[in-house]
Amino acid sequence: MPIADNIRFLRDRICKAALIANRDPGEISVVAVSKNVSTQMISEAIEAGITKFGESRVQEMLSKYKVLEKKIDWHFIGPLQTNKVKYIINNVELIHSLDRISLADEINKRAKLNNKPANVLVQVNVSKEASKSGIYEEDLLPFIETLADYPYIRVKGLMGIGPNTTDEEAIRTCFRRLRVYFENLRSKAISHIDMEYLSMGMSNDYMIAIEEGANMVRVGRAIFQNI
C-alpha cells in the first residue's frame, strides 16, 4: 500500500478509537516514527498531511534535518544521552524522553545558552520493565516539582510506552494509570509545567491508548510498512 493509503487507514482507525471514547478525533496528534525511513518516504508522508516526525537516534535525525530542515516539526522520542543534547536542542520541537535530573541539567543549560526554553515530556516507565527507560510512577511528582526550578525547561506532558505483551487488559491498565497521573498533574499549579500532551501508543496499541486518553500517538510501522 502507498504511504498515503496507510495514513488514510491510520486516520480512520484513530477516528474510530476516539469515537468509542466519546472524544474528538481532531485532538489526536500523530508523530510519524521515521527511524530507518528514507527522506523520500518522509516526503511522501508530508505530502499526505503528516507534519510531526519522531527520531530516536541523534545522528540519523541530524542527517535528515539537513535535507528536510524546517518543513516539519521534529520530535526526539528515544533515550537521550546528555552529551548529545547540544546537537538537537535547537532542532526539535519536543523531547519526549526526559527521565533524570542529569539530563534536565543539560537540557536547561543548553536551552539557556540559546535563550530559548526547551519543550519536553517526562517519560514514565509505568510497566517497570527493565528494557524501558523512564522514571517510576512513585517518583513522578517529586521529579516534576524539581523541574519547576529549571527556568529553561517547559514540561508539556507525559510519555509512556505500553508493556511488551499481547494482554490487552495489561496494556490498557498501564495507559489508564498514566492518564490518571497526567490529569492529577494537570490540576496542580506548578511553575513551567503545562500538561498539554499525553504521548502514549504505538503501531501495535495506539487504539487502546486513544481509548484511554492519549492525545499524541507515535506511529511508524502503520505508516511506513504494509501491516
N, C-alpha and C. Protein backbone atom coordinates (compact mmCIF):
# COMPACT_ATOMS: atom_id res chain seq x y z
N MET A 1 0.84 -1.20 0.00
CA MET A 1 0.00 0.00 0.00
C MET A 1 0.87 1.25 0.00
N PRO A 2 0.51 2.26 -0.79
CA PRO A 2 1.24 3.52 -0.73
C PRO A 2 1.14 4.15 0.65
N ILE A 3 2.12 4.97 1.00
CA ILE A 3 2.13 5.61 2.30
C ILE A 3 0.87 6.44 2.52
N ALA A 4 0.40 7.12 1.50
CA ALA A 4 -0.82 7.92 1.64
C ALA A 4 -2.01 7.06 2.03
N ASP A 5 -2.11 5.85 1.46
CA ASP A 5 -3.19 4.94 1.82
C ASP A 5 -3.05 4.47 3.26
N ASN A 6 -1.82 4.19 3.68
CA ASN A 6 -1.58 3.79 5.08
C ASN A 6 -2.03 4.90 6.04
N ILE A 7 -1.74 6.13 5.67
CA ILE A 7 -2.11 7.26 6.53
C ILE A 7 -3.62 7.44 6.59
N ARG A 8 -4.29 7.26 5.47
CA ARG A 8 -5.76 7.35 5.47
C ARG A 8 -6.35 6.26 6.36
N PHE A 9 -5.80 5.06 6.27
CA PHE A 9 -6.28 3.95 7.10
C PHE A 9 -6.01 4.25 8.57
N LEU A 10 -4.83 4.79 8.86
CA LEU A 10 -4.48 5.15 10.23
C LEU A 10 -5.46 6.17 10.78
N ARG A 11 -5.74 7.20 10.01
CA ARG A 11 -6.65 8.25 10.50
C ARG A 11 -8.06 7.70 10.70
N ASP A 12 -8.48 6.78 9.86
CA ASP A 12 -9.79 6.15 10.05
C ASP A 12 -9.84 5.40 11.38
N ARG A 13 -8.77 4.68 11.70
CA ARG A 13 -8.73 3.92 12.95
C ARG A 13 -8.63 4.85 14.16
N ILE A 14 -7.90 5.94 14.02
CA ILE A 14 -7.83 6.92 15.10
C ILE A 14 -9.21 7.50 15.36
N CYS A 15 -9.92 7.81 14.30
CA CYS A 15 -11.27 8.34 14.42
C CYS A 15 -12.18 7.34 15.13
N LYS A 16 -12.07 6.07 14.76
CA LYS A 16 -12.89 5.02 15.38
C LYS A 16 -12.60 4.93 16.87
N ALA A 17 -11.32 4.91 17.24
CA ALA A 17 -10.95 4.80 18.66
C ALA A 17 -11.42 6.02 19.45
N ALA A 18 -11.28 7.20 18.85
CA ALA A 18 -11.71 8.41 19.55
C ALA A 18 -13.22 8.42 19.78
N LEU A 19 -13.97 8.01 18.77
CA LEU A 19 -15.42 8.00 18.91
C LEU A 19 -15.89 6.97 19.94
N ILE A 20 -15.19 5.84 20.03
CA ILE A 20 -15.50 4.85 21.06
C ILE A 20 -15.39 5.48 22.44
N ALA A 21 -14.41 6.36 22.60
CA ALA A 21 -14.16 7.00 23.90
C ALA A 21 -14.88 8.34 24.03
N ASN A 22 -15.79 8.63 23.09
CA ASN A 22 -16.52 9.90 23.10
C ASN A 22 -15.59 11.10 23.09
N ARG A 23 -14.58 11.02 22.24
CA ARG A 23 -13.61 12.09 22.13
C ARG A 23 -13.61 12.65 20.71
N ASP A 24 -13.06 13.85 20.57
CA ASP A 24 -12.94 14.49 19.27
C ASP A 24 -11.69 13.95 18.57
N PRO A 25 -11.83 13.28 17.42
CA PRO A 25 -10.65 12.77 16.71
C PRO A 25 -9.64 13.85 16.37
N GLY A 26 -10.11 15.09 16.23
CA GLY A 26 -9.22 16.18 15.87
C GLY A 26 -8.23 16.55 16.94
N GLU A 27 -8.43 16.06 18.16
CA GLU A 27 -7.49 16.41 19.23
C GLU A 27 -6.32 15.43 19.32
N ILE A 28 -6.29 14.42 18.45
CA ILE A 28 -5.23 13.41 18.48
C ILE A 28 -4.13 13.80 17.50
N SER A 29 -2.92 14.02 18.01
CA SER A 29 -1.77 14.33 17.16
C SER A 29 -1.03 13.05 16.80
N VAL A 30 -0.55 12.98 15.57
CA VAL A 30 0.23 11.83 15.11
C VAL A 30 1.68 12.24 14.93
N VAL A 31 2.57 11.52 15.62
CA VAL A 31 4.01 11.66 15.39
C VAL A 31 4.45 10.45 14.59
N ALA A 32 4.87 10.66 13.35
CA ALA A 32 5.31 9.56 12.50
C ALA A 32 6.74 9.17 12.89
N VAL A 33 6.91 7.96 13.36
CA VAL A 33 8.24 7.49 13.77
C VAL A 33 9.02 7.14 12.51
N SER A 34 10.05 7.95 12.22
CA SER A 34 10.75 7.83 10.93
C SER A 34 12.14 7.22 11.06
N LYS A 35 12.40 6.54 12.16
CA LYS A 35 13.66 5.82 12.33
C LYS A 35 13.83 4.81 11.19
N ASN A 36 15.00 4.82 10.57
CA ASN A 36 15.33 3.91 9.46
C ASN A 36 14.46 4.15 8.22
N VAL A 37 13.83 5.30 8.13
CA VAL A 37 12.98 5.64 6.99
C VAL A 37 13.69 6.69 6.14
N SER A 38 13.65 6.53 4.84
CA SER A 38 14.35 7.46 3.95
C SER A 38 13.67 8.82 3.91
N THR A 39 14.43 9.83 3.51
CA THR A 39 13.84 11.16 3.37
C THR A 39 12.78 11.19 2.27
N GLN A 40 12.90 10.33 1.28
CA GLN A 40 11.89 10.25 0.23
C GLN A 40 10.56 9.78 0.80
N MET A 41 10.62 8.75 1.66
CA MET A 41 9.39 8.26 2.28
C MET A 41 8.81 9.29 3.23
N ILE A 42 9.67 10.00 3.94
CA ILE A 42 9.19 11.08 4.80
C ILE A 42 8.49 12.14 3.97
N SER A 43 9.06 12.48 2.82
CA SER A 43 8.44 13.47 1.93
C SER A 43 7.07 13.02 1.47
N GLU A 44 6.92 11.71 1.20
CA GLU A 44 5.60 11.19 0.81
C GLU A 44 4.60 11.35 1.95
N ALA A 45 5.06 11.12 3.17
CA ALA A 45 4.16 11.29 4.32
C ALA A 45 3.80 12.75 4.51
N ILE A 46 4.74 13.65 4.26
CA ILE A 46 4.45 15.08 4.33
C ILE A 46 3.37 15.44 3.32
N GLU A 47 3.50 14.93 2.11
CA GLU A 47 2.51 15.20 1.06
C GLU A 47 1.13 14.69 1.47
N ALA A 48 1.10 13.65 2.30
CA ALA A 48 -0.18 13.07 2.75
C ALA A 48 -0.70 13.73 4.02
N GLY A 49 -0.01 14.77 4.48
CA GLY A 49 -0.55 15.57 5.58
C GLY A 49 0.10 15.40 6.93
N ILE A 50 1.12 14.55 7.04
CA ILE A 50 1.81 14.39 8.32
C ILE A 50 2.80 15.54 8.51
N THR A 51 2.80 16.15 9.69
CA THR A 51 3.67 17.30 9.95
C THR A 51 4.67 17.07 11.07
N LYS A 52 4.48 16.01 11.87
CA LYS A 52 5.35 15.74 13.00
C LYS A 52 6.06 14.40 12.79
N PHE A 53 7.38 14.39 12.98
CA PHE A 53 8.16 13.17 12.78
C PHE A 53 9.08 12.95 13.98
N GLY A 54 9.15 11.70 14.41
CA GLY A 54 9.92 11.37 15.59
C GLY A 54 11.14 10.53 15.27
N GLU A 55 12.28 10.93 15.78
CA GLU A 55 13.52 10.19 15.61
C GLU A 55 14.08 9.79 16.97
N SER A 56 14.81 8.68 17.01
CA SER A 56 15.36 8.20 18.28
C SER A 56 16.88 8.07 18.26
N ARG A 57 17.50 8.48 17.15
CA ARG A 57 18.95 8.47 17.04
C ARG A 57 19.41 9.85 16.58
N VAL A 58 20.32 10.43 17.34
CA VAL A 58 20.72 11.81 17.08
C VAL A 58 21.32 11.98 15.69
N GLN A 59 22.29 11.13 15.32
CA GLN A 59 22.96 11.29 14.03
C GLN A 59 21.99 11.13 12.86
N GLU A 60 21.09 10.17 12.98
CA GLU A 60 20.12 9.95 11.90
C GLU A 60 19.19 11.16 11.78
N MET A 61 18.75 11.70 12.91
CA MET A 61 17.89 12.87 12.86
C MET A 61 18.59 14.06 12.21
N LEU A 62 19.85 14.27 12.58
CA LEU A 62 20.59 15.41 12.04
C LEU A 62 20.82 15.29 10.54
N SER A 63 21.06 14.08 10.07
CA SER A 63 21.28 13.90 8.63
C SER A 63 20.00 14.19 7.85
N LYS A 64 18.85 13.81 8.42
CA LYS A 64 17.58 14.10 7.76
C LYS A 64 17.22 15.58 7.87
N TYR A 65 17.57 16.18 8.99
CA TYR A 65 17.30 17.60 9.18
C TYR A 65 18.00 18.44 8.11
N LYS A 66 19.22 18.04 7.75
CA LYS A 66 19.97 18.78 6.72
C LYS A 66 19.24 18.78 5.39
N VAL A 67 18.50 17.70 5.12
CA VAL A 67 17.78 17.59 3.85
C VAL A 67 16.42 18.27 3.93
N LEU A 68 15.68 18.01 5.01
CA LEU A 68 14.30 18.46 5.10
C LEU A 68 14.12 19.75 5.89
N GLU A 69 15.07 20.04 6.76
CA GLU A 69 15.08 21.24 7.58
C GLU A 69 13.74 21.48 8.25
N LYS A 70 13.23 22.72 8.12
CA LYS A 70 12.05 23.10 8.89
C LYS A 70 10.73 22.88 8.15
N LYS A 71 10.73 21.96 7.21
CA LYS A 71 9.46 21.66 6.55
C LYS A 71 8.50 20.97 7.53
N ILE A 72 9.04 20.40 8.59
CA ILE A 72 8.26 19.60 9.52
C ILE A 72 8.69 19.90 10.96
N ASP A 73 7.91 19.42 11.91
CA ASP A 73 8.25 19.50 13.32
C ASP A 73 8.96 18.22 13.72
N TRP A 74 10.21 18.35 14.17
CA TRP A 74 10.97 17.18 14.60
C TRP A 74 10.77 16.95 16.09
N HIS A 75 10.54 15.69 16.44
CA HIS A 75 10.43 15.27 17.83
C HIS A 75 11.53 14.26 18.10
N PHE A 76 12.15 14.36 19.28
CA PHE A 76 13.11 13.33 19.66
C PHE A 76 12.43 12.41 20.65
N ILE A 77 12.31 11.12 20.30
CA ILE A 77 11.47 10.20 21.07
C ILE A 77 12.24 9.08 21.75
N GLY A 78 13.55 9.00 21.55
CA GLY A 78 14.31 7.90 22.12
C GLY A 78 15.09 8.32 23.36
N PRO A 79 15.75 7.35 24.01
CA PRO A 79 16.63 7.70 25.13
C PRO A 79 17.69 8.70 24.67
N LEU A 80 17.90 9.71 25.48
CA LEU A 80 18.79 10.79 25.08
C LEU A 80 19.98 10.88 26.03
N GLN A 81 21.18 10.74 25.48
CA GLN A 81 22.39 10.90 26.28
C GLN A 81 22.68 12.37 26.50
N THR A 82 23.20 12.69 27.67
CA THR A 82 23.44 14.10 27.99
C THR A 82 24.42 14.75 27.01
N ASN A 83 25.40 13.99 26.54
CA ASN A 83 26.40 14.58 25.64
C ASN A 83 25.88 14.80 24.22
N LYS A 84 24.65 14.37 23.96
CA LYS A 84 24.05 14.57 22.63
C LYS A 84 23.03 15.71 22.60
N VAL A 85 22.71 16.22 23.78
CA VAL A 85 21.68 17.27 23.86
C VAL A 85 22.05 18.47 23.00
N LYS A 86 23.31 18.88 23.03
CA LYS A 86 23.74 20.08 22.31
C LYS A 86 23.51 19.99 20.81
N TYR A 87 23.44 18.78 20.29
CA TYR A 87 23.28 18.62 18.84
C TYR A 87 21.83 18.78 18.38
N ILE A 88 20.88 18.56 19.29
CA ILE A 88 19.48 18.58 18.86
C ILE A 88 18.66 19.70 19.47
N ILE A 89 19.18 20.33 20.50
CA ILE A 89 18.36 21.26 21.29
C ILE A 89 17.73 22.36 20.44
N ASN A 90 18.40 22.77 19.38
CA ASN A 90 17.88 23.86 18.54
C ASN A 90 17.02 23.35 17.39
N ASN A 91 16.96 22.03 17.23
CA ASN A 91 16.33 21.46 16.02
C ASN A 91 15.04 20.71 16.27
N VAL A 92 14.65 20.54 17.52
CA VAL A 92 13.46 19.74 17.81
C VAL A 92 12.38 20.59 18.48
N GLU A 93 11.15 20.27 18.17
CA GLU A 93 10.01 20.94 18.79
C GLU A 93 9.71 20.38 20.17
N LEU A 94 9.99 19.08 20.35
CA LEU A 94 9.61 18.42 21.60
C LEU A 94 10.52 17.23 21.85
N ILE A 95 11.06 17.16 23.06
CA ILE A 95 11.83 15.99 23.51
C ILE A 95 10.90 15.15 24.37
N HIS A 96 10.69 13.89 23.98
CA HIS A 96 9.72 13.03 24.65
C HIS A 96 10.30 12.24 25.82
N SER A 97 11.59 12.33 26.09
CA SER A 97 12.23 11.31 26.92
C SER A 97 13.04 11.85 28.09
N LEU A 98 12.58 12.93 28.71
CA LEU A 98 13.25 13.40 29.92
C LEU A 98 12.93 12.45 31.07
N ASP A 99 13.98 11.89 31.68
CA ASP A 99 13.74 10.87 32.71
C ASP A 99 14.73 10.90 33.87
N ARG A 100 15.58 11.95 33.94
CA ARG A 100 16.55 12.01 35.03
C ARG A 100 17.05 13.44 35.18
N ILE A 101 17.53 13.75 36.38
CA ILE A 101 17.96 15.11 36.69
C ILE A 101 19.19 15.50 35.88
N SER A 102 20.12 14.57 35.68
CA SER A 102 21.32 14.91 34.91
C SER A 102 20.97 15.37 33.50
N LEU A 103 19.96 14.75 32.92
CA LEU A 103 19.51 15.16 31.58
C LEU A 103 18.81 16.53 31.65
N ALA A 104 18.01 16.74 32.69
CA ALA A 104 17.36 18.04 32.87
C ALA A 104 18.40 19.15 33.02
N ASP A 105 19.48 18.87 33.77
CA ASP A 105 20.55 19.85 33.94
C ASP A 105 21.12 20.27 32.58
N GLU A 106 21.38 19.28 31.74
CA GLU A 106 21.99 19.57 30.44
C GLU A 106 21.02 20.28 29.50
N ILE A 107 19.78 19.83 29.48
CA ILE A 107 18.79 20.49 28.62
C ILE A 107 18.61 21.95 29.04
N ASN A 108 18.50 22.18 30.34
CA ASN A 108 18.33 23.55 30.85
C ASN A 108 19.54 24.41 30.48
N LYS A 109 20.75 23.86 30.64
CA LYS A 109 21.97 24.60 30.33
C LYS A 109 22.04 24.98 28.85
N ARG A 110 21.76 24.00 27.98
CA ARG A 110 21.85 24.26 26.54
C ARG A 110 20.74 25.20 26.07
N ALA A 111 19.55 25.05 26.64
CA ALA A 111 18.44 25.93 26.27
C ALA A 111 18.73 27.36 26.72
N LYS A 112 19.35 27.51 27.88
CA LYS A 112 19.72 28.85 28.37
C LYS A 112 20.73 29.51 27.43
N LEU A 113 21.70 28.74 26.95
CA LEU A 113 22.69 29.28 26.01
C LEU A 113 22.02 29.79 24.74
N ASN A 114 20.94 29.10 24.33
CA ASN A 114 20.21 29.51 23.14
C ASN A 114 19.16 30.58 23.44
N ASN A 115 18.97 30.85 24.73
CA ASN A 115 17.93 31.80 25.17
C ASN A 115 16.56 31.42 24.64
N LYS A 116 16.31 30.10 24.66
CA LYS A 116 15.02 29.59 24.18
C LYS A 116 14.65 28.36 25.01
N PRO A 117 13.57 28.42 25.78
CA PRO A 117 13.17 27.27 26.59
C PRO A 117 12.91 26.03 25.74
N ALA A 118 13.24 24.87 26.29
CA ALA A 118 13.04 23.59 25.60
C ALA A 118 11.74 22.95 26.06
N ASN A 119 10.97 22.49 25.11
CA ASN A 119 9.73 21.77 25.42
C ASN A 119 10.03 20.28 25.57
N VAL A 120 9.56 19.70 26.67
CA VAL A 120 9.86 18.29 26.95
C VAL A 120 8.62 17.57 27.48
N LEU A 121 8.65 16.25 27.33
CA LEU A 121 7.73 15.37 28.03
C LEU A 121 8.55 14.55 29.02
N VAL A 122 7.97 14.25 30.15
CA VAL A 122 8.61 13.37 31.11
C VAL A 122 8.21 11.93 30.79
N GLN A 123 9.20 11.07 30.58
CA GLN A 123 8.91 9.67 30.27
C GLN A 123 8.73 8.89 31.55
N VAL A 124 7.63 8.15 31.62
CA VAL A 124 7.28 7.38 32.81
C VAL A 124 7.27 5.89 32.44
N ASN A 125 7.96 5.09 33.21
CA ASN A 125 8.00 3.64 33.00
C ASN A 125 6.93 3.00 33.89
N VAL A 126 5.69 3.07 33.43
CA VAL A 126 4.57 2.58 34.24
C VAL A 126 4.64 1.07 34.43
N SER A 127 5.10 0.35 33.40
CA SER A 127 5.15 -1.11 33.48
C SER A 127 6.36 -1.61 34.28
N LYS A 128 7.30 -0.73 34.57
CA LYS A 128 8.52 -1.06 35.32
C LYS A 128 9.31 -2.20 34.66
N GLU A 129 9.31 -2.20 33.33
CA GLU A 129 10.11 -3.18 32.59
C GLU A 129 11.54 -2.68 32.48
N ALA A 130 12.48 -3.57 32.75
CA ALA A 130 13.90 -3.19 32.73
C ALA A 130 14.35 -2.74 31.36
N SER A 131 13.69 -3.19 30.31
CA SER A 131 14.08 -2.84 28.94
C SER A 131 13.65 -1.43 28.55
N LYS A 132 12.85 -0.77 29.38
CA LYS A 132 12.32 0.55 29.04
C LYS A 132 12.97 1.64 29.90
N SER A 133 13.11 2.81 29.29
CA SER A 133 13.58 3.98 30.02
C SER A 133 12.39 4.62 30.73
N GLY A 134 12.68 5.63 31.52
CA GLY A 134 11.61 6.36 32.20
C GLY A 134 11.69 6.22 33.70
N ILE A 135 11.14 7.23 34.37
CA ILE A 135 11.09 7.18 35.82
C ILE A 135 9.88 6.36 36.26
N TYR A 136 9.94 5.84 37.47
CA TYR A 136 8.81 5.09 38.01
C TYR A 136 7.73 6.06 38.50
N GLU A 137 6.51 5.58 38.49
CA GLU A 137 5.39 6.46 38.80
C GLU A 137 5.46 7.06 40.20
N GLU A 138 6.01 6.31 41.17
CA GLU A 138 6.09 6.84 42.53
C GLU A 138 7.08 7.99 42.65
N ASP A 139 7.96 8.12 41.65
CA ASP A 139 8.94 9.22 41.66
C ASP A 139 8.50 10.41 40.81
N LEU A 140 7.35 10.29 40.18
CA LEU A 140 6.94 11.29 39.18
C LEU A 140 6.70 12.66 39.79
N LEU A 141 5.88 12.75 40.82
CA LEU A 141 5.54 14.06 41.37
C LEU A 141 6.78 14.78 41.92
N PRO A 142 7.64 14.12 42.73
CA PRO A 142 8.85 14.83 43.18
C PRO A 142 9.73 15.29 42.02
N PHE A 143 9.81 14.48 40.99
CA PHE A 143 10.62 14.85 39.82
C PHE A 143 10.03 16.07 39.13
N ILE A 144 8.73 16.07 38.91
CA ILE A 144 8.06 17.20 38.28
C ILE A 144 8.24 18.47 39.11
N GLU A 145 8.09 18.35 40.42
CA GLU A 145 8.24 19.52 41.29
C GLU A 145 9.66 20.08 41.23
N THR A 146 10.64 19.18 41.11
CA THR A 146 12.03 19.63 40.97
C THR A 146 12.23 20.40 39.68
N LEU A 147 11.57 19.96 38.61
CA LEU A 147 11.73 20.62 37.32
C LEU A 147 11.19 22.04 37.30
N ALA A 148 10.36 22.38 38.27
CA ALA A 148 9.87 23.75 38.36
C ALA A 148 10.99 24.74 38.62
N ASP A 149 12.14 24.24 39.10
CA ASP A 149 13.30 25.10 39.37
C ASP A 149 14.20 25.28 38.14
N TYR A 150 13.78 24.71 37.00
CA TYR A 150 14.58 24.81 35.77
C TYR A 150 13.89 25.79 34.82
N PRO A 151 14.32 27.05 34.80
CA PRO A 151 13.58 28.08 34.03
C PRO A 151 13.59 27.89 32.53
N TYR A 152 14.52 27.10 32.00
CA TYR A 152 14.58 26.91 30.55
C TYR A 152 14.04 25.56 30.10
N ILE A 153 13.27 24.92 30.99
CA ILE A 153 12.58 23.68 30.63
C ILE A 153 11.08 23.91 30.78
N ARG A 154 10.34 23.59 29.74
CA ARG A 154 8.88 23.64 29.77
C ARG A 154 8.35 22.21 29.67
N VAL A 155 7.80 21.71 30.74
CA VAL A 155 7.22 20.36 30.72
C VAL A 155 5.84 20.44 30.10
N LYS A 156 5.67 19.78 28.96
CA LYS A 156 4.42 19.87 28.20
C LYS A 156 3.53 18.64 28.36
N GLY A 157 3.98 17.66 29.17
CA GLY A 157 3.15 16.49 29.37
C GLY A 157 3.97 15.27 29.73
N LEU A 158 3.36 14.10 29.53
CA LEU A 158 3.97 12.83 29.88
C LEU A 158 4.04 11.92 28.66
N MET A 159 5.02 11.03 28.68
CA MET A 159 5.14 10.00 27.64
C MET A 159 5.28 8.64 28.31
N GLY A 160 4.63 7.64 27.73
CA GLY A 160 4.76 6.28 28.23
C GLY A 160 4.68 5.27 27.10
N ILE A 161 5.30 4.13 27.32
CA ILE A 161 5.29 3.02 26.35
C ILE A 161 4.55 1.86 26.98
N GLY A 162 3.63 1.27 26.24
CA GLY A 162 2.87 0.14 26.76
C GLY A 162 3.75 -1.07 27.03
N PRO A 163 3.32 -1.96 27.92
CA PRO A 163 4.11 -3.15 28.25
C PRO A 163 4.24 -4.08 27.05
N ASN A 164 5.33 -4.82 27.04
CA ASN A 164 5.61 -5.76 25.95
C ASN A 164 4.82 -7.04 26.17
N THR A 165 3.56 -7.01 25.78
CA THR A 165 2.68 -8.14 25.99
C THR A 165 1.54 -8.08 24.98
N THR A 166 0.90 -9.21 24.76
CA THR A 166 -0.30 -9.24 23.92
C THR A 166 -1.57 -9.15 24.77
N ASP A 167 -1.38 -9.04 26.08
CA ASP A 167 -2.51 -8.94 27.00
C ASP A 167 -3.09 -7.53 26.94
N GLU A 168 -4.19 -7.39 26.24
CA GLU A 168 -4.77 -6.06 26.02
C GLU A 168 -5.13 -5.37 27.33
N GLU A 169 -5.62 -6.13 28.29
CA GLU A 169 -6.01 -5.52 29.57
C GLU A 169 -4.82 -4.99 30.33
N ALA A 170 -3.67 -5.68 30.24
CA ALA A 170 -2.45 -5.20 30.90
C ALA A 170 -1.99 -3.89 30.25
N ILE A 171 -2.07 -3.82 28.92
CA ILE A 171 -1.71 -2.59 28.22
C ILE A 171 -2.65 -1.46 28.62
N ARG A 172 -3.94 -1.78 28.61
CA ARG A 172 -4.95 -0.77 28.95
C ARG A 172 -4.76 -0.24 30.38
N THR A 173 -4.44 -1.13 31.30
CA THR A 173 -4.25 -0.74 32.70
C THR A 173 -3.09 0.23 32.85
N CYS A 174 -1.99 -0.03 32.15
CA CYS A 174 -0.83 0.88 32.22
C CYS A 174 -1.17 2.26 31.64
N PHE A 175 -1.84 2.27 30.51
CA PHE A 175 -2.22 3.55 29.90
C PHE A 175 -3.20 4.30 30.80
N ARG A 176 -4.10 3.57 31.42
CA ARG A 176 -5.10 4.21 32.28
C ARG A 176 -4.43 4.85 33.50
N ARG A 177 -3.45 4.17 34.05
CA ARG A 177 -2.74 4.72 35.21
C ARG A 177 -1.98 5.99 34.83
N LEU A 178 -1.36 5.96 33.65
CA LEU A 178 -0.61 7.14 33.22
C LEU A 178 -1.56 8.31 32.99
N ARG A 179 -2.74 8.03 32.49
CA ARG A 179 -3.75 9.09 32.29
C ARG A 179 -4.13 9.72 33.64
N VAL A 180 -4.25 8.91 34.67
CA VAL A 180 -4.60 9.44 35.99
C VAL A 180 -3.52 10.39 36.49
N TYR A 181 -2.25 10.00 36.34
CA TYR A 181 -1.15 10.88 36.75
C TYR A 181 -1.16 12.17 35.93
N PHE A 182 -1.42 12.05 34.65
CA PHE A 182 -1.49 13.21 33.76
C PHE A 182 -2.56 14.18 34.24
N GLU A 183 -3.75 13.68 34.53
CA GLU A 183 -4.85 14.53 34.96
C GLU A 183 -4.57 15.15 36.33
N ASN A 184 -3.96 14.38 37.23
CA ASN A 184 -3.63 14.92 38.55
C ASN A 184 -2.64 16.07 38.44
N LEU A 185 -1.62 15.88 37.60
CA LEU A 185 -0.63 16.95 37.41
C LEU A 185 -1.24 18.16 36.72
N ARG A 186 -2.18 17.89 35.85
CA ARG A 186 -2.86 18.97 35.13
C ARG A 186 -3.61 19.89 36.10
N SER A 187 -4.06 19.32 37.20
CA SER A 187 -4.86 20.09 38.16
C SER A 187 -4.00 20.90 39.13
N LYS A 188 -2.68 20.69 39.10
CA LYS A 188 -1.78 21.37 40.02
C LYS A 188 -1.18 22.61 39.37
N ALA A 189 -0.91 23.61 40.20
CA ALA A 189 -0.27 24.83 39.71
C ALA A 189 1.23 24.75 40.03
N ILE A 190 2.01 24.27 39.06
CA ILE A 190 3.45 24.13 39.23
C ILE A 190 4.13 24.94 38.13
N SER A 191 5.09 25.77 38.51
CA SER A 191 5.76 26.65 37.55
C SER A 191 6.42 25.86 36.42
N HIS A 192 6.25 26.35 35.20
CA HIS A 192 6.84 25.78 33.98
C HIS A 192 6.22 24.44 33.59
N ILE A 193 5.14 24.03 34.24
CA ILE A 193 4.53 22.73 33.97
C ILE A 193 3.16 22.95 33.32
N ASP A 194 2.99 22.42 32.12
CA ASP A 194 1.73 22.56 31.39
C ASP A 194 1.41 21.21 30.77
N MET A 195 0.49 20.50 31.40
CA MET A 195 0.15 19.16 30.92
C MET A 195 -0.71 19.24 29.66
N GLU A 196 -0.06 19.42 28.53
CA GLU A 196 -0.76 19.56 27.25
C GLU A 196 -0.84 18.24 26.50
N TYR A 197 0.23 17.44 26.56
CA TYR A 197 0.31 16.23 25.75
C TYR A 197 0.44 14.97 26.63
N LEU A 198 -0.37 14.00 26.29
CA LEU A 198 -0.22 12.65 26.85
C LEU A 198 0.16 11.75 25.69
N SER A 199 1.46 11.50 25.56
CA SER A 199 2.00 10.76 24.42
C SER A 199 2.13 9.28 24.79
N MET A 200 1.24 8.48 24.27
CA MET A 200 1.31 7.03 24.52
C MET A 200 0.58 6.31 23.39
N GLY A 201 1.10 5.12 23.07
CA GLY A 201 0.53 4.35 21.98
C GLY A 201 1.41 4.36 20.77
N MET A 202 1.70 3.14 20.26
CA MET A 202 2.49 2.98 19.04
C MET A 202 1.70 2.11 18.07
N SER A 203 2.35 1.63 17.02
CA SER A 203 1.61 0.96 15.95
C SER A 203 0.76 -0.21 16.43
N ASN A 204 1.24 -0.90 17.46
CA ASN A 204 0.52 -2.10 17.91
C ASN A 204 -0.55 -1.81 18.96
N ASP A 205 -0.56 -0.61 19.54
CA ASP A 205 -1.51 -0.38 20.64
C ASP A 205 -2.08 1.04 20.67
N TYR A 206 -1.96 1.79 19.56
CA TYR A 206 -2.39 3.18 19.61
C TYR A 206 -3.89 3.34 19.79
N MET A 207 -4.68 2.37 19.32
CA MET A 207 -6.13 2.49 19.50
C MET A 207 -6.51 2.35 20.98
N ILE A 208 -5.85 1.43 21.67
CA ILE A 208 -6.08 1.30 23.11
C ILE A 208 -5.67 2.58 23.82
N ALA A 209 -4.51 3.12 23.43
CA ALA A 209 -4.01 4.34 24.06
C ALA A 209 -5.00 5.49 23.89
N ILE A 210 -5.56 5.64 22.70
CA ILE A 210 -6.52 6.71 22.45
C ILE A 210 -7.78 6.51 23.29
N GLU A 211 -8.24 5.27 23.35
CA GLU A 211 -9.42 4.98 24.18
C GLU A 211 -9.17 5.33 25.65
N GLU A 212 -7.89 5.25 26.06
CA GLU A 212 -7.54 5.53 27.46
C GLU A 212 -7.04 6.95 27.68
N GLY A 213 -7.09 7.79 26.66
CA GLY A 213 -6.84 9.20 26.90
C GLY A 213 -5.67 9.84 26.18
N ALA A 214 -4.90 9.08 25.41
CA ALA A 214 -3.76 9.68 24.70
C ALA A 214 -4.25 10.75 23.73
N ASN A 215 -3.51 11.86 23.66
CA ASN A 215 -3.80 12.85 22.62
C ASN A 215 -2.61 13.01 21.67
N MET A 216 -1.62 12.13 21.82
CA MET A 216 -0.50 12.08 20.90
C MET A 216 -0.06 10.62 20.79
N VAL A 217 0.06 10.11 19.56
CA VAL A 217 0.50 8.74 19.34
C VAL A 217 1.74 8.75 18.46
N ARG A 218 2.63 7.78 18.69
CA ARG A 218 3.89 7.69 17.95
C ARG A 218 3.82 6.43 17.08
N VAL A 219 3.64 6.63 15.79
CA VAL A 219 3.34 5.51 14.90
C VAL A 219 4.35 5.46 13.76
N GLY A 220 4.98 4.31 13.58
CA GLY A 220 5.94 4.14 12.49
C GLY A 220 5.52 3.09 11.50
N ARG A 221 5.46 1.82 11.95
CA ARG A 221 5.14 0.72 11.05
C ARG A 221 3.80 0.90 10.37
N ALA A 222 2.82 1.44 11.07
CA ALA A 222 1.48 1.60 10.49
C ALA A 222 1.48 2.60 9.34
N ILE A 223 2.50 3.45 9.27
CA ILE A 223 2.60 4.42 8.19
C ILE A 223 3.56 3.96 7.09
N PHE A 224 4.71 3.45 7.49
CA PHE A 224 5.78 3.20 6.53
C PHE A 224 5.93 1.76 6.10
N GLN A 225 5.11 0.86 6.66
CA GLN A 225 5.15 -0.54 6.24
C GLN A 225 3.74 -1.02 5.97
N ASN A 226 3.64 -2.07 5.20
CA ASN A 226 2.33 -2.66 4.92
C ASN A 226 1.98 -3.65 6.02
N ILE A 227 1.24 -3.19 7.03
CA ILE A 227 0.88 -4.08 8.13
C ILE A 227 -0.64 -4.17 8.25
